[in-house]
């Protein structure tokens, strides 16, 4: 998790109230009013001239949900797309197991459709509904679906 390690290292240089804000942002999709008031109280206390950091604790890997599993999971392919946008049923594609895969194409080529599938599968904070084929509706109606190929610590799984 090199990127996460970089974030943890960067967070170590933040003020305690900023680390607390980061901890709360990682914990939930949206801050509650109580979260905001707590952070504002910390700002007022810690930004005074005679301020002390008190019992503030640093932001660590333990504050990141799901980071402690230890397994390296990589998405390496998508197959069996069904009722996703106007894609032909059964469409499949591979993703680079190392580095980055880039989707590009003209407007209307389907980039956003793939993004919606990934957002719903990967627990993104801001999800949008995966849209079925608007012009060739299945009879009987089926929910959009896809199969994912992953590597867990280098071992293939689906």
N, C-alpha and C. Protein backbone atom coordinates (compact mmCIF):
# COMPACT_ATOMS: atom_id res chain seq x y z
N UNK A 1 0.81 -1.20 0.00
CA UNK A 1 0.00 0.00 0.00
C UNK A 1 0.85 1.26 0.00
N UNK A 2 1.67 1.46 -1.00
CA UNK A 2 2.55 2.61 -1.01
C UNK A 2 1.81 3.95 -0.94
N UNK A 3 0.68 4.10 -1.65
CA UNK A 3 -0.05 5.37 -1.62
C UNK A 3 -0.57 5.65 -0.22
N UNK A 4 -1.13 4.64 0.42
CA UNK A 4 -1.63 4.82 1.78
C UNK A 4 -0.50 5.16 2.73
N UNK A 5 0.65 4.55 2.55
CA UNK A 5 1.82 4.89 3.37
C UNK A 5 2.21 6.35 3.18
N UNK A 6 2.13 6.83 1.93
CA UNK A 6 2.44 8.24 1.66
C UNK A 6 1.45 9.16 2.36
N UNK A 7 0.16 8.79 2.34
CA UNK A 7 -0.86 9.60 3.00
C UNK A 7 -0.61 9.64 4.50
N UNK A 8 -0.28 8.49 5.09
CA UNK A 8 0.00 8.43 6.54
C UNK A 8 1.21 9.31 6.86
N UNK A 9 2.26 9.22 6.04
CA UNK A 9 3.44 10.06 6.26
C UNK A 9 3.13 11.53 6.15
N UNK A 10 2.34 11.90 5.14
CA UNK A 10 1.94 13.30 4.95
C UNK A 10 1.12 13.77 6.14
N UNK A 11 0.18 12.92 6.60
CA UNK A 11 -0.69 13.30 7.72
C UNK A 11 0.10 13.54 8.99
N UNK A 12 1.26 12.88 9.13
CA UNK A 12 2.09 13.08 10.32
C UNK A 12 2.57 14.50 10.48
N UNK A 13 2.61 15.26 9.39
CA UNK A 13 3.04 16.65 9.46
C UNK A 13 1.91 17.63 9.68
N UNK A 14 0.69 17.13 9.78
CA UNK A 14 -0.47 18.00 9.99
C UNK A 14 -0.65 18.32 11.46
N UNK A 15 -1.37 19.39 11.73
CA UNK A 15 -1.72 19.75 13.11
C UNK A 15 -2.67 18.69 13.66
N UNK A 16 -2.73 18.54 14.97
CA UNK A 16 -3.60 17.52 15.56
C UNK A 16 -5.07 17.64 15.14
N UNK A 17 -5.60 18.85 15.05
CA UNK A 17 -7.00 18.99 14.66
C UNK A 17 -7.19 18.56 13.20
N UNK A 18 -6.19 18.78 12.36
CA UNK A 18 -6.28 18.35 10.97
C UNK A 18 -6.24 16.82 10.88
N UNK A 19 -5.42 16.20 11.72
CA UNK A 19 -5.36 14.74 11.74
C UNK A 19 -6.69 14.15 12.23
N UNK A 20 -7.30 14.81 13.21
CA UNK A 20 -8.61 14.36 13.69
C UNK A 20 -9.66 14.49 12.60
N UNK A 21 -9.63 15.59 11.85
CA UNK A 21 -10.55 15.76 10.73
C UNK A 21 -10.34 14.66 9.69
N UNK A 22 -9.11 14.36 9.38
CA UNK A 22 -8.79 13.31 8.42
C UNK A 22 -9.29 11.95 8.91
N UNK A 23 -9.10 11.67 10.18
CA UNK A 23 -9.56 10.41 10.78
C UNK A 23 -11.08 10.28 10.60
N UNK A 24 -11.80 11.35 10.86
CA UNK A 24 -13.26 11.30 10.75
C UNK A 24 -13.72 11.19 9.30
N UNK A 25 -13.00 11.83 8.38
CA UNK A 25 -13.34 11.75 6.96
C UNK A 25 -13.14 10.32 6.45
N UNK A 26 -12.08 9.67 6.89
CA UNK A 26 -11.85 8.28 6.48
C UNK A 26 -12.89 7.35 7.09
N UNK A 27 -13.45 7.70 8.25
CA UNK A 27 -14.38 6.82 8.95
C UNK A 27 -15.78 6.82 8.36
N UNK A 28 -16.19 7.93 7.75
CA UNK A 28 -17.57 7.99 7.22
C UNK A 28 -17.62 8.89 6.00
N UNK A 29 -18.64 8.68 5.20
CA UNK A 29 -18.77 9.40 3.93
C UNK A 29 -19.00 10.90 4.14
N UNK A 30 -19.78 11.25 5.15
CA UNK A 30 -20.07 12.65 5.41
C UNK A 30 -19.90 12.96 6.89
N UNK A 31 -19.35 14.12 7.16
CA UNK A 31 -19.19 14.54 8.55
C UNK A 31 -20.53 14.96 9.12
N UNK A 32 -20.78 14.58 10.37
CA UNK A 32 -22.00 15.00 11.05
C UNK A 32 -21.78 16.39 11.64
N UNK A 33 -22.85 17.00 12.08
CA UNK A 33 -22.73 18.31 12.73
C UNK A 33 -21.88 18.20 13.99
N UNK A 34 -22.00 17.08 14.71
CA UNK A 34 -21.19 16.85 15.90
C UNK A 34 -19.70 16.77 15.54
N UNK A 35 -19.38 16.09 14.43
CA UNK A 35 -17.99 16.03 13.96
C UNK A 35 -17.45 17.43 13.71
N UNK A 36 -18.22 18.22 12.99
CA UNK A 36 -17.79 19.57 12.64
C UNK A 36 -17.57 20.42 13.89
N UNK A 37 -18.51 20.33 14.84
CA UNK A 37 -18.38 21.11 16.08
C UNK A 37 -17.16 20.66 16.88
N UNK A 38 -16.91 19.36 16.94
CA UNK A 38 -15.73 18.85 17.66
C UNK A 38 -14.45 19.36 17.02
N UNK A 39 -14.38 19.30 15.70
CA UNK A 39 -13.18 19.76 15.00
C UNK A 39 -13.00 21.27 15.19
N UNK A 40 -14.08 22.03 15.10
CA UNK A 40 -13.99 23.48 15.31
C UNK A 40 -13.52 23.80 16.73
N UNK A 41 -14.00 23.03 17.71
CA UNK A 41 -13.55 23.23 19.10
C UNK A 41 -12.05 22.96 19.20
N UNK A 42 -11.59 21.91 18.53
CA UNK A 42 -10.15 21.59 18.54
C UNK A 42 -9.34 22.70 17.87
N UNK A 43 -9.86 23.25 16.78
CA UNK A 43 -9.16 24.35 16.10
C UNK A 43 -9.01 25.53 17.05
N UNK A 44 -10.11 25.89 17.72
CA UNK A 44 -10.06 27.04 18.64
C UNK A 44 -9.07 26.79 19.78
N UNK A 45 -9.06 25.56 20.31
CA UNK A 45 -8.16 25.24 21.42
C UNK A 45 -6.70 25.18 20.96
N UNK A 46 -6.45 24.60 19.80
CA UNK A 46 -5.08 24.34 19.38
C UNK A 46 -4.42 25.49 18.63
N UNK A 47 -5.18 26.42 18.16
CA UNK A 47 -4.59 27.52 17.39
C UNK A 47 -4.38 28.78 18.24
N UNK A 48 -4.64 28.67 19.53
CA UNK A 48 -4.32 29.79 20.42
C UNK A 48 -2.81 29.86 20.59
N UNK A 49 -2.34 31.02 21.03
CA UNK A 49 -0.90 31.22 21.21
C UNK A 49 -0.32 30.31 22.30
N UNK A 50 -1.10 30.07 23.35
CA UNK A 50 -0.62 29.26 24.47
C UNK A 50 -1.14 27.82 24.41
N UNK A 51 -1.51 27.38 23.23
CA UNK A 51 -2.16 26.08 23.06
C UNK A 51 -1.21 24.91 23.29
N UNK A 52 -1.80 23.82 23.76
CA UNK A 52 -1.08 22.54 23.85
C UNK A 52 -1.88 21.53 23.04
N UNK A 53 -1.25 20.47 22.62
CA UNK A 53 -1.97 19.47 21.82
C UNK A 53 -2.75 18.49 22.69
N UNK A 54 -2.56 18.52 23.98
CA UNK A 54 -3.33 17.69 24.89
C UNK A 54 -3.22 16.22 24.57
N UNK A 55 -4.36 15.54 24.58
CA UNK A 55 -4.38 14.09 24.36
C UNK A 55 -4.57 13.71 22.90
N UNK A 56 -4.23 14.58 21.99
CA UNK A 56 -4.40 14.27 20.57
C UNK A 56 -3.49 13.11 20.17
N UNK A 57 -4.03 12.22 19.35
CA UNK A 57 -3.21 11.11 18.87
C UNK A 57 -3.00 11.25 17.37
N UNK A 58 -1.89 10.77 16.86
CA UNK A 58 -1.61 10.92 15.43
C UNK A 58 -2.50 10.03 14.57
N UNK A 59 -2.72 10.44 13.33
CA UNK A 59 -3.45 9.66 12.34
C UNK A 59 -2.55 8.50 11.91
N UNK A 60 -3.07 7.27 12.00
CA UNK A 60 -2.28 6.09 11.66
C UNK A 60 -3.04 5.18 10.70
N UNK A 61 -2.38 4.13 10.27
CA UNK A 61 -2.99 3.14 9.38
C UNK A 61 -4.22 2.50 10.03
N UNK A 62 -4.24 2.42 11.36
CA UNK A 62 -5.39 1.84 12.07
C UNK A 62 -6.65 2.67 11.88
N UNK A 63 -6.51 3.93 11.49
CA UNK A 63 -7.66 4.81 11.29
C UNK A 63 -8.30 4.67 9.91
N UNK A 64 -7.70 3.85 9.06
CA UNK A 64 -8.21 3.67 7.70
C UNK A 64 -8.98 2.35 7.63
N UNK A 65 -10.31 2.42 7.43
CA UNK A 65 -11.11 1.20 7.38
C UNK A 65 -10.60 0.25 6.29
N UNK A 66 -10.46 -1.02 6.63
CA UNK A 66 -10.07 -2.04 5.66
C UNK A 66 -8.59 -2.09 5.36
N UNK A 67 -7.80 -1.20 5.93
CA UNK A 67 -6.38 -1.17 5.60
C UNK A 67 -5.59 -2.25 6.32
N UNK A 68 -6.16 -2.81 7.38
CA UNK A 68 -5.40 -3.76 8.18
C UNK A 68 -5.48 -5.20 7.70
N UNK A 69 -6.18 -5.49 6.60
CA UNK A 69 -6.34 -6.88 6.18
C UNK A 69 -5.03 -7.51 5.76
N UNK A 70 -4.11 -6.70 5.24
CA UNK A 70 -2.82 -7.21 4.83
C UNK A 70 -2.80 -7.82 3.44
N UNK A 71 -3.95 -8.20 2.90
CA UNK A 71 -3.99 -8.80 1.57
C UNK A 71 -3.89 -7.72 0.50
N UNK A 72 -3.18 -8.03 -0.58
CA UNK A 72 -3.12 -7.13 -1.72
C UNK A 72 -4.15 -7.62 -2.74
N UNK A 73 -5.13 -6.78 -3.03
CA UNK A 73 -6.19 -7.15 -3.96
C UNK A 73 -6.07 -6.28 -5.20
N UNK A 74 -6.06 -6.92 -6.37
CA UNK A 74 -5.96 -6.19 -7.64
C UNK A 74 -7.08 -6.66 -8.56
N UNK A 75 -7.79 -5.70 -9.14
CA UNK A 75 -8.81 -5.99 -10.13
C UNK A 75 -8.11 -6.18 -11.47
N UNK A 76 -8.28 -7.35 -12.10
CA UNK A 76 -7.56 -7.64 -13.34
C UNK A 76 -8.48 -7.89 -14.53
N UNK A 77 -9.79 -7.94 -14.31
CA UNK A 77 -10.67 -8.14 -15.45
C UNK A 77 -12.13 -8.03 -15.09
N UNK A 78 -12.93 -7.71 -16.09
CA UNK A 78 -14.38 -7.64 -15.95
C UNK A 78 -14.95 -8.45 -17.11
N UNK A 79 -15.95 -9.28 -16.81
CA UNK A 79 -16.57 -10.08 -17.86
C UNK A 79 -18.05 -10.22 -17.58
N UNK A 80 -18.76 -10.78 -18.53
CA UNK A 80 -20.18 -11.08 -18.33
C UNK A 80 -21.05 -9.87 -18.10
N UNK A 81 -20.67 -8.71 -18.65
CA UNK A 81 -21.53 -7.54 -18.48
C UNK A 81 -22.90 -7.87 -19.07
N UNK A 82 -23.95 -7.58 -18.32
CA UNK A 82 -25.31 -7.84 -18.79
C UNK A 82 -26.20 -6.70 -18.33
N UNK A 83 -26.95 -6.15 -19.25
CA UNK A 83 -27.86 -5.04 -18.99
C UNK A 83 -27.13 -3.83 -18.42
N UNK A 84 -25.95 -3.55 -18.95
CA UNK A 84 -25.17 -2.37 -18.55
C UNK A 84 -25.09 -1.46 -19.76
N UNK A 85 -25.72 -0.28 -19.63
CA UNK A 85 -25.78 0.68 -20.74
C UNK A 85 -26.22 -0.04 -22.01
N UNK A 86 -25.63 0.30 -23.14
CA UNK A 86 -25.96 -0.37 -24.39
C UNK A 86 -24.91 -1.40 -24.76
N UNK A 87 -24.07 -1.81 -23.79
CA UNK A 87 -23.01 -2.77 -24.09
C UNK A 87 -23.62 -4.11 -24.48
N UNK A 88 -23.03 -4.78 -25.45
CA UNK A 88 -23.51 -6.12 -25.80
C UNK A 88 -23.38 -7.05 -24.59
N UNK A 89 -24.37 -7.90 -24.41
CA UNK A 89 -24.34 -8.84 -23.30
C UNK A 89 -23.10 -9.73 -23.40
N UNK A 90 -22.41 -9.92 -22.29
CA UNK A 90 -21.22 -10.75 -22.27
C UNK A 90 -19.92 -10.02 -22.51
N UNK A 91 -19.97 -8.71 -22.71
CA UNK A 91 -18.74 -7.95 -22.97
C UNK A 91 -17.74 -8.18 -21.85
N UNK A 92 -16.46 -8.23 -22.22
CA UNK A 92 -15.38 -8.46 -21.25
C UNK A 92 -14.16 -7.64 -21.63
N UNK A 93 -13.34 -7.34 -20.64
CA UNK A 93 -12.06 -6.66 -20.88
C UNK A 93 -11.12 -6.95 -19.72
N UNK A 94 -9.84 -6.86 -20.02
CA UNK A 94 -8.80 -7.08 -19.00
C UNK A 94 -8.25 -5.75 -18.53
N UNK A 95 -7.74 -5.75 -17.32
CA UNK A 95 -7.08 -4.57 -16.75
C UNK A 95 -5.65 -4.94 -16.42
N UNK A 96 -4.77 -3.97 -16.48
CA UNK A 96 -3.36 -4.22 -16.17
C UNK A 96 -3.22 -4.58 -14.69
N UNK A 97 -2.58 -5.72 -14.38
CA UNK A 97 -2.40 -6.10 -12.98
C UNK A 97 -1.40 -5.19 -12.26
N UNK A 98 -0.54 -4.55 -13.00
CA UNK A 98 0.42 -3.58 -12.45
C UNK A 98 0.23 -2.28 -13.21
N UNK A 99 0.44 -1.17 -12.56
CA UNK A 99 0.33 0.11 -13.25
C UNK A 99 -1.11 0.56 -13.37
N UNK A 100 -1.46 1.08 -14.55
CA UNK A 100 -2.75 1.72 -14.72
C UNK A 100 -3.36 1.35 -16.07
N UNK A 101 -4.67 1.19 -16.08
CA UNK A 101 -5.42 1.00 -17.32
C UNK A 101 -6.21 2.27 -17.56
N UNK A 102 -6.16 2.79 -18.77
CA UNK A 102 -6.87 4.03 -19.11
C UNK A 102 -7.96 3.71 -20.12
N UNK A 103 -9.17 4.18 -19.83
CA UNK A 103 -10.28 4.07 -20.76
C UNK A 103 -10.38 5.40 -21.49
N UNK A 104 -10.39 5.33 -22.81
CA UNK A 104 -10.54 6.56 -23.58
C UNK A 104 -11.45 6.28 -24.76
N UNK A 105 -12.01 7.34 -25.32
CA UNK A 105 -12.87 7.19 -26.48
C UNK A 105 -13.70 8.43 -26.68
N UNK A 106 -14.45 8.43 -27.76
CA UNK A 106 -15.32 9.56 -28.09
C UNK A 106 -16.46 9.67 -27.09
N UNK A 107 -17.15 10.81 -27.12
CA UNK A 107 -18.34 10.97 -26.30
C UNK A 107 -19.34 9.87 -26.66
N UNK A 108 -19.95 9.29 -25.65
CA UNK A 108 -20.94 8.25 -25.88
C UNK A 108 -20.35 6.87 -26.12
N UNK A 109 -19.04 6.71 -25.95
CA UNK A 109 -18.40 5.42 -26.20
C UNK A 109 -18.61 4.43 -25.05
N UNK A 110 -18.96 4.91 -23.86
CA UNK A 110 -19.23 4.01 -22.74
C UNK A 110 -18.33 4.17 -21.54
N UNK A 111 -17.46 5.17 -21.56
CA UNK A 111 -16.52 5.35 -20.43
C UNK A 111 -17.27 5.52 -19.11
N UNK A 112 -18.31 6.33 -19.11
CA UNK A 112 -19.06 6.57 -17.87
C UNK A 112 -19.80 5.32 -17.42
N UNK A 113 -20.24 4.50 -18.35
CA UNK A 113 -20.91 3.25 -18.00
C UNK A 113 -19.97 2.32 -17.25
N UNK A 114 -18.73 2.23 -17.72
CA UNK A 114 -17.74 1.42 -17.00
C UNK A 114 -17.48 2.01 -15.62
N UNK A 115 -17.38 3.33 -15.55
CA UNK A 115 -17.12 3.99 -14.27
C UNK A 115 -18.23 3.69 -13.27
N UNK A 116 -19.50 3.69 -13.73
CA UNK A 116 -20.61 3.36 -12.82
C UNK A 116 -20.48 1.93 -12.29
N UNK A 117 -20.09 1.00 -13.15
CA UNK A 117 -19.91 -0.39 -12.71
C UNK A 117 -18.83 -0.45 -11.64
N UNK A 118 -17.69 0.20 -11.89
CA UNK A 118 -16.59 0.18 -10.92
C UNK A 118 -16.99 0.84 -9.61
N UNK A 119 -17.67 1.98 -9.68
CA UNK A 119 -18.07 2.68 -8.45
C UNK A 119 -18.97 1.81 -7.58
N UNK A 120 -19.89 1.09 -8.20
CA UNK A 120 -20.80 0.25 -7.42
C UNK A 120 -20.11 -1.00 -6.90
N UNK A 121 -19.15 -1.51 -7.62
CA UNK A 121 -18.45 -2.72 -7.18
C UNK A 121 -17.39 -2.44 -6.13
N UNK A 122 -16.81 -1.26 -6.17
CA UNK A 122 -15.65 -0.96 -5.33
C UNK A 122 -15.96 -0.09 -4.13
N UNK A 123 -17.23 0.03 -3.77
CA UNK A 123 -17.60 0.73 -2.56
C UNK A 123 -17.20 2.20 -2.57
N UNK A 124 -17.39 2.87 -3.70
CA UNK A 124 -17.07 4.30 -3.80
C UNK A 124 -18.04 5.11 -2.94
N UNK A 125 -17.58 6.24 -2.48
CA UNK A 125 -18.44 7.11 -1.67
C UNK A 125 -19.62 7.65 -2.47
N UNK A 126 -19.36 8.05 -3.70
CA UNK A 126 -20.41 8.65 -4.53
C UNK A 126 -20.75 7.69 -5.65
N UNK A 127 -21.79 6.92 -5.42
CA UNK A 127 -22.21 5.93 -6.41
C UNK A 127 -23.36 6.49 -7.24
N UNK A 128 -23.43 6.02 -8.46
CA UNK A 128 -24.55 6.33 -9.31
C UNK A 128 -25.10 5.01 -9.83
N UNK A 129 -26.38 5.00 -10.11
CA UNK A 129 -27.04 3.78 -10.55
C UNK A 129 -26.44 3.28 -11.86
N UNK A 130 -26.22 1.98 -11.94
CA UNK A 130 -25.79 1.36 -13.19
C UNK A 130 -27.04 1.26 -14.06
N UNK A 131 -27.00 1.90 -15.20
CA UNK A 131 -28.17 1.98 -16.06
C UNK A 131 -28.26 0.77 -16.98
N UNK A 132 -29.47 0.21 -17.13
CA UNK A 132 -29.63 -0.90 -18.08
C UNK A 132 -29.68 -0.37 -19.51
N UNK A 133 -29.74 -1.28 -20.46
CA UNK A 133 -29.85 -0.91 -21.87
C UNK A 133 -31.21 -0.26 -22.08
N UNK A 134 -31.24 1.02 -22.40
CA UNK A 134 -32.49 1.76 -22.55
C UNK A 134 -33.25 1.37 -23.82
N UNK A 135 -32.55 0.88 -24.83
CA UNK A 135 -33.20 0.62 -26.11
C UNK A 135 -33.51 -0.85 -26.36
N UNK A 136 -32.84 -1.73 -25.68
CA UNK A 136 -33.06 -3.16 -25.89
C UNK A 136 -33.35 -3.85 -24.58
N UNK A 137 -34.41 -3.41 -23.91
CA UNK A 137 -34.72 -3.94 -22.59
C UNK A 137 -34.92 -5.46 -22.65
N UNK A 138 -34.34 -6.14 -21.68
CA UNK A 138 -34.44 -7.60 -21.60
C UNK A 138 -35.84 -8.01 -21.17
N UNK A 139 -36.30 -9.13 -21.70
CA UNK A 139 -37.58 -9.67 -21.30
C UNK A 139 -37.34 -11.09 -20.82
N UNK A 140 -37.60 -11.45 -19.61
CA UNK A 140 -38.03 -10.56 -18.53
C UNK A 140 -36.89 -9.64 -18.09
N UNK A 141 -37.28 -8.56 -17.44
CA UNK A 141 -36.29 -7.55 -17.01
C UNK A 141 -35.26 -8.18 -16.07
N UNK A 142 -33.98 -7.84 -16.29
CA UNK A 142 -32.90 -8.32 -15.43
C UNK A 142 -32.14 -7.12 -14.89
N UNK A 143 -31.60 -7.29 -13.70
CA UNK A 143 -30.76 -6.25 -13.12
C UNK A 143 -29.41 -6.23 -13.82
N UNK A 144 -28.78 -5.06 -13.94
CA UNK A 144 -27.43 -5.01 -14.50
C UNK A 144 -26.49 -5.87 -13.66
N UNK A 145 -25.56 -6.57 -14.33
CA UNK A 145 -24.62 -7.43 -13.60
C UNK A 145 -23.30 -7.53 -14.35
N UNK A 146 -22.28 -7.97 -13.62
CA UNK A 146 -20.94 -8.17 -14.19
C UNK A 146 -20.18 -9.12 -13.27
N UNK A 147 -19.18 -9.78 -13.83
CA UNK A 147 -18.28 -10.64 -13.06
C UNK A 147 -16.91 -9.98 -13.02
N UNK A 148 -16.24 -10.09 -11.89
CA UNK A 148 -14.94 -9.45 -11.72
C UNK A 148 -13.87 -10.50 -11.46
N UNK A 149 -12.74 -10.34 -12.11
CA UNK A 149 -11.58 -11.20 -11.87
C UNK A 149 -10.58 -10.41 -11.04
N UNK A 150 -10.18 -10.97 -9.91
CA UNK A 150 -9.23 -10.28 -9.03
C UNK A 150 -8.07 -11.20 -8.69
N UNK A 151 -7.01 -10.59 -8.24
CA UNK A 151 -5.88 -11.33 -7.67
C UNK A 151 -5.80 -10.96 -6.20
N UNK A 152 -5.81 -11.95 -5.32
CA UNK A 152 -5.64 -11.72 -3.89
C UNK A 152 -4.28 -12.29 -3.53
N UNK A 153 -3.35 -11.40 -3.22
CA UNK A 153 -1.96 -11.79 -2.98
C UNK A 153 -1.43 -12.66 -4.12
N UNK A 154 -1.81 -12.30 -5.36
CA UNK A 154 -1.31 -12.99 -6.54
C UNK A 154 -2.10 -14.22 -6.95
N UNK A 155 -3.10 -14.63 -6.15
CA UNK A 155 -3.90 -15.81 -6.46
C UNK A 155 -5.20 -15.38 -7.14
N UNK A 156 -5.51 -15.92 -8.34
CA UNK A 156 -6.74 -15.53 -9.05
C UNK A 156 -8.00 -15.95 -8.30
N UNK A 157 -8.98 -15.05 -8.28
CA UNK A 157 -10.31 -15.31 -7.72
C UNK A 157 -11.32 -14.57 -8.56
N UNK A 158 -12.60 -14.95 -8.44
CA UNK A 158 -13.67 -14.23 -9.15
C UNK A 158 -14.76 -13.86 -8.19
